[in-house]
């Protein structure tokens, strides 16, 4: 029975990462393939080829991003984007949603932004308990008027799903900057501390006695 249990665990260690990776890739490709619906029916790859070939939506999405990015980088493109932004800001309900999403995306994807560029060690959810968080900036607006000293805005992700978490403002002196990259910190969080930065994936950590 000991050998059977060992074989089952070894099989799980091999199959589970592969299965989850395939599932995530299928979800991403299936979602991006929906962009093909913007093409005329006679241009649909399924009709032209006579069978469904996954992945064309990924190529189309990348092509759209490149074209839009190139167009928005010149003078006339920036003018058109500014006009589009002003138009959306005049629509009552849309402007509240669009402005918030626009500010977040500008902060995250801007080359000059500092959001999610640093991983820090903070005490959360109580003193003496430590976790990894990501710096998203500094407090702004009315909140900055009530915070005395240097504070940082940090995002504390949950595990194993880092897309959910908590936004908190902490003193800069209470945040310990880590030398690990953001990617390594995410791997550490998603693996619930099993895969430490610089440690091979197949290495099993030993608990202190």
Foldseek 3Di string as FASTA:
>chain_A
DVVVVVVVVVVCVPPVVVVVVVVVVCVVQVVLLVVLVVDPPVPRPCNVVVHDDTDVSVVVVVVVVVVLVVQCVDDVNVVVVVVVLVVQCVPVPSNVVVVVVVVVCCQVPPPPHQWQFWKWWAAPPDPPRIAIKTFSAFDDDPVVVVDPAGKTWIWGAAELDRVDTDIDIGHPVRIGTDPDGSVQSNVCRNVVNQDHPPDDPPDGDDDDD
